[in-house]
C-alpha atoms as a PDB file:
ATOM      1  CA  PRO A   1       4.256 -15.499 -10.391  1.00  0.00           C
ATOM      2  CA  ASN A   2       3.328 -14.353 -13.827  1.00  0.00           C
ATOM      3  CA  PRO A   3      -0.366 -15.934 -14.218  1.00  0.00           C
ATOM      4  CA  GLU A   4       0.336 -16.508 -17.898  1.00  0.00           C
ATOM      5  CA  LEU A   5       3.452 -18.896 -17.113  1.00  0.00           C
ATOM      6  CA  HIS A   6       1.844 -20.888 -14.382  1.00  0.00           C
ATOM      7  CA  GLY A   7      -1.002 -23.472 -14.451  1.00  0.00           C
ATOM      8  CA  LYS A   8      -4.191 -23.153 -12.882  1.00  0.00           C
ATOM      9  CA  ASP A   9      -2.729 -25.719 -10.234  1.00  0.00           C
ATOM     10  CA  GLN A  10      -0.537 -22.831  -8.923  1.00  0.00           C
ATOM     11  CA  LYS A  11      -3.167 -20.445  -8.550  1.00  0.00           C
ATOM     12  CA  ARG A  12      -2.264 -19.885  -4.861  1.00  0.00           C
ATOM     13  CA  LEU A  13       0.808 -18.788  -5.638  1.00  0.00           C
ATOM     14  CA  ILE A  14      -0.771 -15.857  -7.610  1.00  0.00           C
ATOM     15  CA  GLY A  15      -2.807 -14.702  -4.546  1.00  0.00           C
ATOM     16  CA  VAL A  16      -0.025 -14.939  -2.334  1.00  0.00           C
ATOM     17  CA  SER A  17       2.224 -12.726  -4.362  1.00  0.00           C
ATOM     18  CA  ASN A  18      -0.389 -10.172  -4.922  1.00  0.00           C
ATOM     19  CA  ALA A  19      -1.290 -10.233  -1.130  1.00  0.00           C
ATOM     20  CA  VAL A  20       2.421  -9.721  -0.231  1.00  0.00           C
ATOM     21  CA  PHE A  21       2.532  -7.011  -2.746  1.00  0.00           C
ATOM     22  CA  LEU A  22      -0.729  -5.157  -1.587  1.00  0.00           C
ATOM     23  CA  THR A  23       0.516  -5.145   1.937  1.00  0.00           C
ATOM     24  CA  SER A  24       3.955  -4.128   0.962  1.00  0.00           C
ATOM     25  CA  VAL A  25       1.999  -0.892  -0.766  1.00  0.00           C
ATOM     26  CA  ARG A  26       0.158  -0.456   2.271  1.00  0.00           C
ATOM     27  CA  PHE A  27       2.715  -0.183   4.683  1.00  0.00           C
ATOM     28  CA  ILE A  28       4.756   2.468   2.266  1.00  0.00           C
ATOM     29  CA  LEU A  29       1.498   4.345   1.825  1.00  0.00           C
ATOM     30  CA  PHE A  30       0.930   4.195   5.890  1.00  0.00           C
ATOM     31  CA  HIS A  31       4.704   5.612   5.980  1.00  0.00           C
ATOM     32  CA  GLU A  32       3.923   8.370   3.898  1.00  0.00           C
ATOM     33  CA  PHE A  33       0.747   9.158   5.615  1.00  0.00           C
ATOM     34  CA  ALA A  34       2.792   9.265   8.793  1.00  0.00           C
ATOM     35  CA  HIS A  35       4.819  11.880   8.015  1.00  0.00           C
ATOM     36  CA  ILE A  36       1.814  14.235   7.117  1.00  0.00           C
ATOM     37  CA  LEU A  37       0.146  13.212  10.190  1.00  0.00           C
ATOM     38  CA  LEU A  38       3.723  14.003  12.268  1.00  0.00           C
ATOM     39  CA  GLY A  39       3.731  17.412  10.376  1.00  0.00           C
ATOM     40  CA  HIS A  40       7.269  16.664   8.774  1.00  0.00           C
ATOM     41  CA  PRO A  41       6.145  18.264   5.339  1.00  0.00           C
ATOM     42  CA  PHE A  42       6.162  21.595   7.791  1.00  0.00           C
ATOM     43  CA  VAL A  43       9.235  21.539   9.676  1.00  0.00           C
ATOM     44  CA  PRO A  44      11.531  24.701   8.922  1.00  0.00           C
ATOM     45  CA  LEU A  45      14.437  24.489   7.051  1.00  0.00           C
ATOM     46  CA  GLN A  46      16.596  25.316   9.857  1.00  0.00           C
ATOM     47  CA  LEU A  47      15.363  22.167  11.767  1.00  0.00           C
ATOM     48  CA  ARG A  48      15.960  20.022   8.528  1.00  0.00           C
ATOM     49  CA  THR A  49      19.188  18.417   9.921  1.00  0.00           C
ATOM     50  CA  GLU A  50      20.756  15.213   9.233  1.00  0.00           C
ATOM     51  CA  GLU A  51      19.465  14.092  12.620  1.00  0.00           C
ATOM     52  CA  ASN A  52      15.998  15.232  12.420  1.00  0.00           C
ATOM     53  CA  PHE A  53      15.690  13.550   8.920  1.00  0.00           C
ATOM     54  CA  ARG A  54      16.766  10.304  10.300  1.00  0.00           C
ATOM     55  CA  LYS A  55      14.222  10.508  13.326  1.00  0.00           C
ATOM     56  CA  MET A  56      11.175  11.600  11.212  1.00  0.00           C
ATOM     57  CA  GLU A  57      11.947   8.422   9.219  1.00  0.00           C
ATOM     58  CA  VAL A  58      12.284   6.124  12.266  1.00  0.00           C
ATOM     59  CA  ASP A  59       8.989   7.959  13.789  1.00  0.00           C
ATOM     60  CA  ALA A  60       7.085   7.310  10.265  1.00  0.00           C
ATOM     61  CA  ASP A  61       8.290   3.470  10.004  1.00  0.00           C
ATOM     62  CA  ASN A  62       7.337   2.975  13.578  1.00  0.00           C
ATOM     63  CA  ILE A  63       3.939   4.390  13.092  1.00  0.00           C
ATOM     64  CA  ALA A  64       3.517   2.570   9.721  1.00  0.00           C
ATOM     65  CA  ILE A  65       4.730  -0.689  11.470  1.00  0.00           C
ATOM     66  CA  GLY A  66       2.148  -0.437  13.998  1.00  0.00           C
ATOM     67  CA  TRP A  67      -0.931   0.639  11.620  1.00  0.00           C
ATOM     68  CA  THR A  68       0.247  -2.457   9.174  1.00  0.00           C
ATOM     69  CA  ILE A  69       0.154  -4.779  12.137  1.00  0.00           C
ATOM     70  CA  GLN A  70      -3.105  -3.422  13.194  1.00  0.00           C
ATOM     71  CA  ASN A  71      -4.496  -4.636   9.996  1.00  0.00           C
ATOM     72  CA  PHE A  72      -3.032  -8.217  10.523  1.00  0.00           C
ATOM     73  CA  LYS A  73      -5.437 -11.114   9.922  1.00  0.00           C
ATOM     74  CA  PRO A  74      -5.000 -14.514  11.882  1.00  0.00           C
ATOM     75  CA  GLU A  75      -5.489 -16.131   8.106  1.00  0.00           C
ATOM     76  CA  THR A  76      -3.004 -13.975   6.401  1.00  0.00           C
ATOM     77  CA  CYS A  77      -0.486 -13.137   9.304  1.00  0.00           C
ATOM     78  CA  PHE A  78       2.369 -15.161   7.426  1.00  0.00           C
ATOM     79  CA  THR A  79       2.025 -12.998   4.189  1.00  0.00           C
ATOM     80  CA  ASP A  80       1.399 -10.043   6.220  1.00  0.00           C
ATOM     81  CA  LYS A  81       4.841 -10.111   8.117  1.00  0.00           C
ATOM     82  CA  LEU A  82       6.755 -11.035   4.759  1.00  0.00           C
ATOM     83  CA  SER A  83       4.924  -8.267   3.179  1.00  0.00           C
ATOM     84  CA  LEU A  84       6.763  -5.711   5.721  1.00  0.00           C
ATOM     85  CA  ILE A  85       9.911  -7.183   5.320  1.00  0.00           C
ATOM     86  CA  SER A  86       9.433  -6.854   1.539  1.00  0.00           C
ATOM     87  CA  ALA A  87       8.678  -3.605   1.833  1.00  0.00           C
ATOM     88  CA  LEU A  88      11.479  -2.597   3.920  1.00  0.00           C
ATOM     89  CA  ASN A  89      13.878  -4.530   1.634  1.00  0.00           C
ATOM     90  CA  SER A  90      12.666  -3.045  -1.667  1.00  0.00           C
ATOM     91  CA  LEU A  91      14.741   0.244  -0.340  1.00  0.00           C
ATOM     92  CA  SER A  92      18.043  -1.911  -0.856  1.00  0.00           C
ATOM     93  CA  TYR A  93      17.459  -3.558  -4.253  1.00  0.00           C
ATOM     94  CA  PHE A  94      20.070  -1.545  -5.994  1.00  0.00           C
ATOM     95  CA  PRO A  95      24.189  -1.575  -5.688  1.00  0.00           C
ATOM     96  CA  THR A  96      24.036   0.903  -2.920  1.00  0.00           C
ATOM     97  CA  GLY A  97      20.824  -0.273  -1.244  1.00  0.00           C
ATOM     98  CA  PHE A  98      22.603  -0.948   2.186  1.00  0.00           C
ATOM     99  CA  ALA A  99      24.740   2.037   2.319  1.00  0.00           C
ATOM    100  CA  ASP A 100      24.231   4.170   5.316  1.00  0.00           C
ATOM    101  CA  LEU A 101      22.205   7.628   4.182  1.00  0.00           C
ATOM    102  CA  ILE A 102      22.282  10.876   5.412  1.00  0.00           C
ATOM    103  CA  LYS A 103      18.452  11.332   5.637  1.00  0.00           C
ATOM    104  CA  HIS A 104      17.564   7.589   6.158  1.00  0.00           C
ATOM    105  CA  PRO A 105      18.361   5.015   8.715  1.00  0.00           C
ATOM    106  CA  ALA A 106      20.166   1.997   7.453  1.00  0.00           C
ATOM    107  CA  PRO A 107      17.733  -0.829   5.736  1.00  0.00           C
ATOM    108  CA  GLU A 108      19.067  -3.294   7.872  1.00  0.00           C
ATOM    109  CA  ASP A 109      18.187  -1.308  10.802  1.00  0.00           C
ATOM    110  CA  ARG A 110      14.703  -0.621   9.774  1.00  0.00           C
ATOM    111  CA  ILE A 111      14.221  -4.071   8.934  1.00  0.00           C
ATOM    112  CA  ARG A 112      15.442  -5.287  12.673  1.00  0.00           C
ATOM    113  CA  THR A 113      13.079  -2.666  14.405  1.00  0.00           C
ATOM    114  CA  CYS A 114      10.154  -4.346  12.141  1.00  0.00           C
ATOM    115  CA  LEU A 115      11.056  -7.614  13.055  1.00  0.00           C
ATOM    116  CA  GLU A 116      11.589  -6.878  16.819  1.00  0.00           C
ATOM    117  CA  ARG A 117       8.187  -5.019  16.752  1.00  0.00           C
ATOM    118  CA  LEU A 118       6.633  -8.312  15.320  1.00  0.00           C
ATOM    119  CA  HIS A 119       7.617 -10.194  18.733  1.00  0.00           C
ATOM    120  CA  LEU A 120       8.457 -13.213  16.520  1.00  0.00           C
ATOM    121  CA  ASP A 121       9.665 -16.262  17.783  1.00  0.00           C
ATOM    122  CA  ASP A 122      13.436 -17.380  17.146  1.00  0.00           C
ATOM    123  CA  ASN A 123      12.803 -19.753  14.191  1.00  0.00           C
ATOM    124  CA  ASP A 124      10.032 -17.657  12.681  1.00  0.00           C
ATOM    125  CA  TYR A 125      10.362 -17.961   8.997  1.00  0.00           C
ATOM    126  CA  ALA A 126      10.275 -13.756   8.748  1.00  0.00           C
ATOM    127  CA  TRP A 127      13.893 -14.003  10.265  1.00  0.00           C
ATOM    128  CA  GLY A 128      14.753 -16.265   7.500  1.00  0.00           C
ATOM    129  CA  TYR A 129      12.964 -14.115   5.105  1.00  0.00           C
ATOM    130  CA  ALA A 130      14.887 -11.144   6.117  1.00  0.00           C
ATOM    131  CA  THR A 131      18.308 -12.949   6.340  1.00  0.00           C
ATOM    132  CA  TRP A 132      17.900 -14.419   2.802  1.00  0.00           C
ATOM    133  CA  SER A 133      16.910 -10.762   1.137  1.00  0.00           C
ATOM    134  CA  ILE A 134      20.208  -9.556   2.626  1.00  0.00           C
ATOM    135  CA  MET A 135      22.106 -12.356   1.276  1.00  0.00           C
ATOM    136  CA  GLU A 136      20.165 -12.081  -2.166  1.00  0.00           C
ATOM    137  CA  TRP A 137      21.597  -8.304  -2.304  1.00  0.00           C
ATOM    138  CA  GLN A 138      24.986  -9.167  -1.652  1.00  0.00           C
ATOM    139  CA  VAL A 139      24.683 -12.182  -3.906  1.00  0.00           C
ATOM    140  CA  ASN A 140      23.864  -9.403  -6.849  1.00  0.00           C
ATOM    141  CA  PHE A 141      26.177  -6.749  -5.967  1.00  0.00           C
ATOM    142  CA  GLU A 142      29.218  -7.541  -3.384  1.00  0.00           C
ATOM    143  CA  PRO A 143      29.397 -10.838  -1.582  1.00  0.00           C
ATOM    144  CA  PHE A 144      30.838 -10.614   2.156  1.00  0.00           C
ATOM    145  CA  HIS A 145      29.390 -13.003   4.189  1.00  0.00           C
ATOM    146  CA  ILE A 146      27.260 -16.266   4.369  1.00  0.00           C
ATOM    147  CA  PRO A 147      25.584 -16.766   7.819  1.00  0.00           C
ATOM    148  CA  MET A 148      26.446 -19.800   9.873  1.00  0.00           C
ATOM    149  CA  THR A 149      23.980 -22.706   9.086  1.00  0.00           C
ATOM    150  CA  GLU A 150      23.509 -23.889  12.763  1.00  0.00           C
ATOM    151  CA  GLY A 151      21.475 -21.945  15.377  1.00  0.00           C
ATOM    152  CA  SER A 152      17.869 -19.927  14.908  1.00  0.00           C
ATOM    153  CA  TYR A 153      16.698 -17.825  12.313  1.00  0.00           C
ATOM    154  CA  ARG A 154      17.208 -15.064  14.399  1.00  0.00           C
ATOM    155  CA  ASP A 155      21.060 -15.595  15.245  1.00  0.00           C
ATOM    156  CA  MET A 156      21.285 -15.791  11.325  1.00  0.00           C
ATOM    157  CA  PHE A 157      19.703 -12.397  10.749  1.00  0.00           C
ATOM    158  CA  PHE A 158      21.870 -10.775  13.541  1.00  0.00           C
ATOM    159  CA  GLU A 159      25.093 -12.432  12.482  1.00  0.00           C
ATOM    160  CA  LEU A 160      24.655 -11.194   9.011  1.00  0.00           C
ATOM    161  CA  VAL A 161      23.473  -7.888   9.994  1.00  0.00           C
ATOM    162  CA  SER A 162      26.980  -7.527  12.241  1.00  0.00           C
ATOM    163  CA  GLU A 163      29.052  -8.603   9.385  1.00  0.00           C
ATOM    164  CA  LEU A 164      27.019  -6.075   7.067  1.00  0.00           C
ATOM    165  CA  LYS A 165      27.831  -3.333   9.483  1.00  0.00           C
ATOM    166  CA  GLU A 166      31.492  -4.301   9.617  1.00  0.00           C
ATOM    167  CA  TYR A 167      31.747  -4.484   5.940  1.00  0.00           C
ATOM    168  CA  LYS A 168      30.440  -1.176   5.517  1.00  0.00           C
ATOM    169  CA  VAL A 169      32.878   0.202   7.860  1.00  0.00           C
ATOM    170  CA  THR A 170      36.152  -1.767   7.065  1.00  0.00           C
ATOM    171  CA  GLY A 171      35.236  -2.322   3.392  1.00  0.00           C
ATOM    172  CA  SER A 172      36.416  -5.971   3.918  1.00  0.00           C
ATOM    173  CA  ALA A 173      35.163  -8.893   2.167  1.00  0.00           C
ATOM    174  CA  LYS A 174      35.805 -11.701   4.403  1.00  0.00           C
ATOM    175  CA  LEU A 175      34.372 -14.255   1.924  1.00  0.00           C
ATOM    176  CA  LYS A 176      35.735 -12.682  -1.472  1.00  0.00           C
ATOM    177  CA  ASN A 177      38.476 -14.739  -1.747  1.00  0.00           C
ATOM    178  CA  GLU A 178      36.617 -18.034  -0.516  1.00  0.00           C
ATOM    179  CA  MET A 179      34.084 -17.171  -3.340  1.00  0.00           C
ATOM    180  CA  ILE A 180      36.749 -16.446  -5.754  1.00  0.00           C
ATOM    181  CA  ARG A 181      38.530 -19.983  -4.753  1.00  0.00           C
ATOM    182  CA  VAL A 182      35.022 -21.916  -5.315  1.00  0.00           C
ATOM    183  CA  ARG A 183      34.276 -19.944  -8.370  1.00  0.00           C
ATOM    184  CA  ASN A 184      37.703 -21.185 -10.114  1.00  0.00           C
ATOM    185  CA  ARG A 185      36.779 -24.828  -8.997  1.00  0.00           C
ATOM    186  CA  LYS A 186      33.621 -24.977 -11.428  1.00  0.00           C
END
């Protein structure tokens, strides 16, 4: 929230937004420092293969997630979890954001790994937030599926990720015709 546009009664929102931003940046910096710690910049050219690049990214993510979790505080745990998801989702906020890249794991796989490392309850809001962020991407770029309304947030996340993976392989948009029909009704 922009502090110039919100009254003092909503000051807490500004603090939460700042906390999410700062922890997200901390995770990104931890990720980059992990690359250095692991010696990735010094890997010989002949070993810089697609498989090795992806492994290096996974290794850096794992260390950064661990370091970030170590910095969680009980009073900020909720925003800290959302920050990790926000940092990883920031990789996807452009039209090809959930594309499978040569040198990086798919964003949905990185998000899944992070969520699993957090050992969340099935209805923890972090699952819902991750689901919403993928839905937000698809609404802006390429609608393909809206998850079920029953079940846990975790179930919805995995259903949406499964549909995303199918969409990336087949290019079929299950909801495209339905969304066009709904749009035409308006």
